[in-house]
Amino acid sequence: MNGWVVLGVAVGSGVGAQLRFATERLHARARERRGLGRPSFPWATLTVNVVGSMVLGAAAALAARGVISSPWLTVLGVGLAGGLTTFSTFALDVVSLARDRRVTRAVLDIALHLALGLGAGAATFHVLL
């Protein structure tokens, strides 16, 4: 792996992390404007994880078609999608919901992540392939 790929992954992950942070902040500000308190469901985390699955699905399909090279797949998949998505926050959200006795919401969060994340990644891959 050459230095340009390493730099690309670093930049991509930085951009992805900033997009994740911006998504969280936009969601929080929208709730504040409406006079709402703490969110009762982790919509921002679900959003970035589903979008990240789509990004990775798109990059994998484009690489499989020969539209982008393997280094670009690494930059987009490991860098951008990796920086955008967050398993650790998803895990903490589920644990926090369960701890707050919101077990139904915790199970719904797991189910939505699986269904929408896998579905979005697979659908994007197959549409672009």
N, C-alpha and C. Protein backbone atom coordinates (compact mmCIF):
# COMPACT_ATOMS: atom_id res chain seq x y z
N MET A 1 0.86 -1.17 0.00
CA MET A 1 0.00 0.00 0.00
C MET A 1 0.91 1.23 0.00
N ASN A 2 0.61 2.14 -0.90
CA ASN A 2 1.47 3.32 -0.98
C ASN A 2 0.99 4.45 -0.09
N GLY A 3 1.82 5.45 0.01
CA GLY A 3 1.53 6.58 0.89
C GLY A 3 0.29 7.35 0.51
N TRP A 4 -0.04 7.39 -0.78
CA TRP A 4 -1.24 8.11 -1.22
C TRP A 4 -2.51 7.43 -0.71
N VAL A 5 -2.50 6.12 -0.68
CA VAL A 5 -3.67 5.40 -0.17
C VAL A 5 -3.81 5.64 1.33
N VAL A 6 -2.71 5.60 2.04
CA VAL A 6 -2.73 5.87 3.48
C VAL A 6 -3.26 7.28 3.74
N LEU A 7 -2.78 8.24 2.99
CA LEU A 7 -3.26 9.61 3.12
C LEU A 7 -4.74 9.70 2.76
N GLY A 8 -5.14 9.00 1.70
CA GLY A 8 -6.55 9.00 1.29
C GLY A 8 -7.46 8.43 2.35
N VAL A 9 -7.03 7.35 2.98
CA VAL A 9 -7.82 6.75 4.07
C VAL A 9 -7.92 7.73 5.23
N ALA A 10 -6.81 8.39 5.55
CA ALA A 10 -6.83 9.37 6.66
C ALA A 10 -7.78 10.52 6.36
N VAL A 11 -7.70 11.05 5.15
CA VAL A 11 -8.60 12.16 4.78
C VAL A 11 -10.05 11.67 4.72
N GLY A 12 -10.27 10.51 4.11
CA GLY A 12 -11.63 9.96 4.02
C GLY A 12 -12.25 9.70 5.38
N SER A 13 -11.46 9.15 6.29
CA SER A 13 -12.00 8.89 7.62
C SER A 13 -12.28 10.18 8.37
N GLY A 14 -11.45 11.18 8.15
CA GLY A 14 -11.70 12.48 8.77
C GLY A 14 -12.98 13.11 8.25
N VAL A 15 -13.18 13.03 6.94
CA VAL A 15 -14.41 13.56 6.33
C VAL A 15 -15.61 12.79 6.85
N GLY A 16 -15.51 11.46 6.89
CA GLY A 16 -16.61 10.64 7.39
C GLY A 16 -16.96 10.95 8.83
N ALA A 17 -15.94 11.10 9.66
CA ALA A 17 -16.19 11.42 11.07
C ALA A 17 -16.84 12.78 11.22
N GLN A 18 -16.42 13.75 10.42
CA GLN A 18 -17.04 15.08 10.47
C GLN A 18 -18.49 15.03 10.01
N LEU A 19 -18.78 14.22 9.00
CA LEU A 19 -20.17 14.05 8.54
C LEU A 19 -21.01 13.40 9.63
N ARG A 20 -20.44 12.43 10.33
CA ARG A 20 -21.16 11.78 11.43
C ARG A 20 -21.45 12.80 12.54
N PHE A 21 -20.44 13.58 12.89
CA PHE A 21 -20.61 14.60 13.92
C PHE A 21 -21.66 15.63 13.50
N ALA A 22 -21.60 16.07 12.24
CA ALA A 22 -22.57 17.05 11.73
C ALA A 22 -23.99 16.48 11.76
N THR A 23 -24.14 15.22 11.43
CA THR A 23 -25.47 14.59 11.46
C THR A 23 -26.02 14.59 12.88
N GLU A 24 -25.18 14.24 13.82
CA GLU A 24 -25.60 14.24 15.24
C GLU A 24 -25.99 15.64 15.69
N ARG A 25 -25.18 16.63 15.34
CA ARG A 25 -25.46 18.02 15.74
C ARG A 25 -26.73 18.54 15.07
N LEU A 26 -26.91 18.27 13.80
CA LEU A 26 -28.13 18.72 13.11
C LEU A 26 -29.37 18.11 13.75
N HIS A 27 -29.29 16.85 14.10
CA HIS A 27 -30.42 16.19 14.75
C HIS A 27 -30.70 16.83 16.11
N ALA A 28 -29.64 17.09 16.88
CA ALA A 28 -29.81 17.71 18.20
C ALA A 28 -30.39 19.12 18.08
N ARG A 29 -29.90 19.90 17.12
CA ARG A 29 -30.42 21.27 16.93
C ARG A 29 -31.88 21.26 16.50
N ALA A 30 -32.24 20.32 15.63
CA ALA A 30 -33.64 20.23 15.21
C ALA A 30 -34.54 19.92 16.41
N ARG A 31 -34.07 19.05 17.30
CA ARG A 31 -34.85 18.73 18.50
C ARG A 31 -34.94 19.95 19.41
N GLU A 32 -33.85 20.69 19.55
CA GLU A 32 -33.85 21.89 20.40
C GLU A 32 -34.82 22.94 19.86
N ARG A 33 -34.82 23.14 18.55
CA ARG A 33 -35.73 24.13 17.94
C ARG A 33 -37.19 23.78 18.19
N ARG A 34 -37.47 22.49 18.28
CA ARG A 34 -38.84 22.05 18.53
C ARG A 34 -39.16 21.97 20.01
N GLY A 35 -38.18 22.30 20.84
CA GLY A 35 -38.39 22.26 22.28
C GLY A 35 -38.41 20.85 22.84
N LEU A 36 -37.79 19.93 22.15
CA LEU A 36 -37.77 18.54 22.59
C LEU A 36 -36.51 18.28 23.40
N GLY A 37 -36.60 17.34 24.29
CA GLY A 37 -35.45 16.99 25.12
C GLY A 37 -34.58 15.94 24.46
N ARG A 38 -34.01 15.12 25.28
CA ARG A 38 -33.13 14.04 24.81
C ARG A 38 -33.89 13.11 23.87
N PRO A 39 -33.27 12.68 22.77
CA PRO A 39 -33.97 11.79 21.85
C PRO A 39 -34.29 10.45 22.50
N SER A 40 -35.45 9.93 22.18
CA SER A 40 -35.85 8.64 22.74
C SER A 40 -35.44 7.48 21.85
N PHE A 41 -34.87 7.81 20.68
CA PHE A 41 -34.37 6.78 19.77
C PHE A 41 -33.17 7.35 19.03
N PRO A 42 -32.13 6.56 18.81
CA PRO A 42 -30.89 7.06 18.20
C PRO A 42 -30.96 7.16 16.67
N TRP A 43 -31.78 8.09 16.19
CA TRP A 43 -31.98 8.24 14.75
C TRP A 43 -30.71 8.66 14.01
N ALA A 44 -29.91 9.52 14.61
CA ALA A 44 -28.70 9.99 13.94
C ALA A 44 -27.71 8.85 13.71
N THR A 45 -27.56 8.00 14.70
CA THR A 45 -26.66 6.85 14.56
C THR A 45 -27.16 5.91 13.48
N LEU A 46 -28.45 5.64 13.49
CA LEU A 46 -29.03 4.78 12.46
C LEU A 46 -28.81 5.38 11.08
N THR A 47 -29.01 6.68 10.95
CA THR A 47 -28.85 7.35 9.66
C THR A 47 -27.44 7.21 9.12
N VAL A 48 -26.44 7.52 9.94
CA VAL A 48 -25.06 7.44 9.44
C VAL A 48 -24.65 6.01 9.13
N ASN A 49 -25.14 5.05 9.88
CA ASN A 49 -24.78 3.67 9.61
C ASN A 49 -25.43 3.15 8.33
N VAL A 50 -26.66 3.55 8.05
CA VAL A 50 -27.32 3.14 6.81
C VAL A 50 -26.65 3.83 5.61
N VAL A 51 -26.38 5.12 5.73
CA VAL A 51 -25.71 5.83 4.63
C VAL A 51 -24.31 5.26 4.41
N GLY A 52 -23.60 4.95 5.47
CA GLY A 52 -22.28 4.33 5.33
C GLY A 52 -22.34 2.99 4.63
N SER A 53 -23.37 2.21 4.91
CA SER A 53 -23.56 0.94 4.22
C SER A 53 -23.79 1.16 2.73
N MET A 54 -24.52 2.21 2.41
CA MET A 54 -24.74 2.54 1.00
C MET A 54 -23.44 2.96 0.32
N VAL A 55 -22.64 3.77 1.01
CA VAL A 55 -21.35 4.21 0.46
C VAL A 55 -20.47 3.01 0.17
N LEU A 56 -20.38 2.09 1.12
CA LEU A 56 -19.55 0.91 0.93
C LEU A 56 -20.11 0.01 -0.17
N GLY A 57 -21.41 -0.15 -0.21
CA GLY A 57 -22.03 -0.94 -1.28
C GLY A 57 -21.75 -0.34 -2.65
N ALA A 58 -21.85 0.98 -2.74
CA ALA A 58 -21.58 1.67 -4.01
C ALA A 58 -20.11 1.51 -4.41
N ALA A 59 -19.21 1.71 -3.47
CA ALA A 59 -17.78 1.59 -3.77
C ALA A 59 -17.43 0.17 -4.19
N ALA A 60 -17.98 -0.82 -3.51
CA ALA A 60 -17.71 -2.22 -3.86
C ALA A 60 -18.23 -2.55 -5.25
N ALA A 61 -19.42 -2.05 -5.58
CA ALA A 61 -19.98 -2.30 -6.91
C ALA A 61 -19.15 -1.63 -7.99
N LEU A 62 -18.74 -0.40 -7.75
CA LEU A 62 -17.93 0.32 -8.73
C LEU A 62 -16.58 -0.35 -8.91
N ALA A 63 -16.02 -0.87 -7.86
CA ALA A 63 -14.75 -1.60 -7.97
C ALA A 63 -14.94 -2.91 -8.73
N ALA A 64 -16.04 -3.61 -8.45
CA ALA A 64 -16.32 -4.87 -9.14
C ALA A 64 -16.52 -4.65 -10.65
N ARG A 65 -17.07 -3.50 -11.01
CA ARG A 65 -17.27 -3.17 -12.43
C ARG A 65 -16.02 -2.61 -13.08
N GLY A 66 -15.00 -2.33 -12.29
CA GLY A 66 -13.78 -1.77 -12.83
C GLY A 66 -13.82 -0.27 -13.02
N VAL A 67 -14.84 0.38 -12.46
CA VAL A 67 -14.98 1.83 -12.59
C VAL A 67 -13.97 2.55 -11.69
N ILE A 68 -13.74 1.99 -10.51
CA ILE A 68 -12.72 2.55 -9.61
C ILE A 68 -11.71 1.46 -9.29
N SER A 69 -10.52 1.85 -8.96
CA SER A 69 -9.45 0.90 -8.64
C SER A 69 -9.53 0.45 -7.19
N SER A 70 -8.77 -0.58 -6.88
CA SER A 70 -8.73 -1.11 -5.52
C SER A 70 -8.30 -0.06 -4.49
N PRO A 71 -7.32 0.79 -4.80
CA PRO A 71 -6.98 1.83 -3.82
C PRO A 71 -8.15 2.77 -3.52
N TRP A 72 -8.94 3.10 -4.54
CA TRP A 72 -10.11 3.96 -4.29
C TRP A 72 -11.16 3.24 -3.46
N LEU A 73 -11.30 1.93 -3.67
CA LEU A 73 -12.21 1.16 -2.82
C LEU A 73 -11.76 1.23 -1.37
N THR A 74 -10.46 1.16 -1.15
CA THR A 74 -9.92 1.26 0.20
C THR A 74 -10.18 2.64 0.80
N VAL A 75 -9.93 3.68 0.01
CA VAL A 75 -10.14 5.05 0.49
C VAL A 75 -11.61 5.27 0.84
N LEU A 76 -12.50 4.85 -0.06
CA LEU A 76 -13.93 5.08 0.17
C LEU A 76 -14.51 4.13 1.23
N GLY A 77 -14.08 2.87 1.21
CA GLY A 77 -14.63 1.89 2.14
C GLY A 77 -14.06 2.01 3.54
N VAL A 78 -12.74 1.90 3.63
CA VAL A 78 -12.09 1.97 4.95
C VAL A 78 -12.10 3.41 5.47
N GLY A 79 -11.80 4.36 4.58
CA GLY A 79 -11.72 5.76 5.00
C GLY A 79 -13.08 6.39 5.22
N LEU A 80 -13.75 6.74 4.13
CA LEU A 80 -15.01 7.49 4.23
C LEU A 80 -16.10 6.72 4.97
N ALA A 81 -16.41 5.49 4.51
CA ALA A 81 -17.48 4.73 5.16
C ALA A 81 -17.09 4.33 6.59
N GLY A 82 -15.81 4.01 6.78
CA GLY A 82 -15.35 3.65 8.12
C GLY A 82 -15.42 4.82 9.09
N GLY A 83 -15.09 6.01 8.61
CA GLY A 83 -15.18 7.19 9.47
C GLY A 83 -16.61 7.63 9.73
N LEU A 84 -17.47 7.38 8.75
CA LEU A 84 -18.87 7.79 8.86
C LEU A 84 -19.66 6.88 9.81
N THR A 85 -19.44 5.59 9.69
CA THR A 85 -20.24 4.65 10.48
C THR A 85 -19.65 4.46 11.87
N THR A 86 -20.47 3.93 12.75
CA THR A 86 -20.02 3.79 14.13
C THR A 86 -20.72 2.63 14.83
N PHE A 87 -20.01 1.52 14.94
CA PHE A 87 -20.56 0.38 15.68
C PHE A 87 -20.55 0.65 17.17
N SER A 88 -19.53 1.33 17.64
CA SER A 88 -19.41 1.57 19.08
C SER A 88 -20.57 2.42 19.60
N THR A 89 -20.96 3.45 18.86
CA THR A 89 -22.09 4.28 19.30
C THR A 89 -23.38 3.49 19.21
N PHE A 90 -23.54 2.68 18.17
CA PHE A 90 -24.70 1.81 18.05
C PHE A 90 -24.78 0.89 19.28
N ALA A 91 -23.67 0.28 19.65
CA ALA A 91 -23.66 -0.62 20.81
C ALA A 91 -24.03 0.13 22.09
N LEU A 92 -23.46 1.31 22.27
CA LEU A 92 -23.77 2.11 23.46
C LEU A 92 -25.25 2.53 23.47
N ASP A 93 -25.78 2.89 22.30
CA ASP A 93 -27.19 3.26 22.21
C ASP A 93 -28.08 2.10 22.66
N VAL A 94 -27.78 0.90 22.19
CA VAL A 94 -28.59 -0.28 22.55
C VAL A 94 -28.49 -0.54 24.05
N VAL A 95 -27.28 -0.50 24.59
CA VAL A 95 -27.09 -0.72 26.03
C VAL A 95 -27.82 0.35 26.84
N SER A 96 -27.72 1.60 26.41
CA SER A 96 -28.39 2.70 27.12
C SER A 96 -29.91 2.55 27.08
N LEU A 97 -30.45 2.17 25.94
CA LEU A 97 -31.90 1.95 25.84
C LEU A 97 -32.33 0.82 26.77
N ALA A 98 -31.58 -0.26 26.76
CA ALA A 98 -31.92 -1.40 27.62
C ALA A 98 -31.79 -1.02 29.10
N ARG A 99 -30.74 -0.28 29.45
CA ARG A 99 -30.54 0.15 30.83
C ARG A 99 -31.68 1.04 31.31
N ASP A 100 -32.21 1.87 30.38
CA ASP A 100 -33.33 2.75 30.71
C ASP A 100 -34.68 2.03 30.62
N ARG A 101 -34.62 0.72 30.52
CA ARG A 101 -35.81 -0.14 30.44
C ARG A 101 -36.65 0.16 29.19
N ARG A 102 -35.98 0.52 28.15
CA ARG A 102 -36.63 0.71 26.84
C ARG A 102 -36.21 -0.44 25.93
N VAL A 103 -36.52 -1.63 26.39
CA VAL A 103 -36.07 -2.85 25.72
C VAL A 103 -36.66 -2.96 24.32
N THR A 104 -37.91 -2.58 24.15
CA THR A 104 -38.53 -2.63 22.83
C THR A 104 -37.79 -1.73 21.86
N ARG A 105 -37.40 -0.54 22.31
CA ARG A 105 -36.65 0.37 21.44
C ARG A 105 -35.25 -0.16 21.16
N ALA A 106 -34.64 -0.81 22.13
CA ALA A 106 -33.32 -1.41 21.92
C ALA A 106 -33.39 -2.51 20.86
N VAL A 107 -34.39 -3.34 20.96
CA VAL A 107 -34.58 -4.41 19.97
C VAL A 107 -34.91 -3.81 18.60
N LEU A 108 -35.73 -2.78 18.58
CA LEU A 108 -36.06 -2.11 17.33
C LEU A 108 -34.81 -1.49 16.70
N ASP A 109 -33.95 -0.91 17.51
CA ASP A 109 -32.70 -0.33 17.00
C ASP A 109 -31.84 -1.41 16.35
N ILE A 110 -31.71 -2.55 17.01
CA ILE A 110 -30.93 -3.66 16.46
C ILE A 110 -31.55 -4.13 15.15
N ALA A 111 -32.85 -4.32 15.14
CA ALA A 111 -33.54 -4.81 13.94
C ALA A 111 -33.42 -3.82 12.78
N LEU A 112 -33.59 -2.53 13.07
CA LEU A 112 -33.48 -1.53 12.01
C LEU A 112 -32.07 -1.44 11.46
N HIS A 113 -31.08 -1.51 12.34
CA HIS A 113 -29.69 -1.49 11.86
C HIS A 113 -29.41 -2.67 10.94
N LEU A 114 -29.86 -3.84 11.35
CA LEU A 114 -29.64 -5.02 10.51
C LEU A 114 -30.40 -4.92 9.20
N ALA A 115 -31.69 -4.65 9.28
CA ALA A 115 -32.52 -4.64 8.07
C ALA A 115 -32.15 -3.50 7.13
N LEU A 116 -32.07 -2.29 7.67
CA LEU A 116 -31.78 -1.13 6.81
C LEU A 116 -30.32 -1.08 6.38
N GLY A 117 -29.41 -1.39 7.29
CA GLY A 117 -27.99 -1.37 6.95
C GLY A 117 -27.64 -2.41 5.90
N LEU A 118 -28.01 -3.65 6.17
CA LEU A 118 -27.76 -4.71 5.20
C LEU A 118 -28.53 -4.47 3.91
N GLY A 119 -29.78 -4.07 4.05
CA GLY A 119 -30.61 -3.82 2.87
C GLY A 119 -30.06 -2.69 2.01
N ALA A 120 -29.64 -1.60 2.64
CA ALA A 120 -29.12 -0.46 1.88
C ALA A 120 -27.80 -0.80 1.20
N GLY A 121 -26.93 -1.50 1.91
CA GLY A 121 -25.66 -1.90 1.31
C GLY A 121 -25.86 -2.85 0.15
N ALA A 122 -26.69 -3.87 0.35
CA ALA A 122 -26.93 -4.85 -0.70
C ALA A 122 -27.66 -4.23 -1.89
N ALA A 123 -28.66 -3.43 -1.61
CA ALA A 123 -29.43 -2.81 -2.71
C ALA A 123 -28.54 -1.87 -3.53
N THR A 124 -27.74 -1.06 -2.87
CA THR A 124 -26.86 -0.15 -3.57
C THR A 124 -25.84 -0.93 -4.41
N PHE A 125 -25.29 -2.00 -3.84
CA PHE A 125 -24.34 -2.82 -4.57
C PHE A 125 -24.99 -3.39 -5.83
N HIS A 126 -26.17 -3.98 -5.68
CA HIS A 126 -26.83 -4.65 -6.82
C HIS A 126 -27.33 -3.65 -7.87
N VAL A 127 -27.78 -2.49 -7.45
CA VAL A 127 -28.24 -1.49 -8.41
C VAL A 127 -27.07 -0.99 -9.26
N LEU A 128 -25.93 -0.76 -8.62
CA LEU A 128 -24.77 -0.21 -9.34
C LEU A 128 -23.94 -1.27 -10.04
N LEU A 129 -24.12 -2.55 -9.69
CA LEU A 129 -23.34 -3.60 -10.32
C LEU A 129 -23.91 -3.84 -11.68
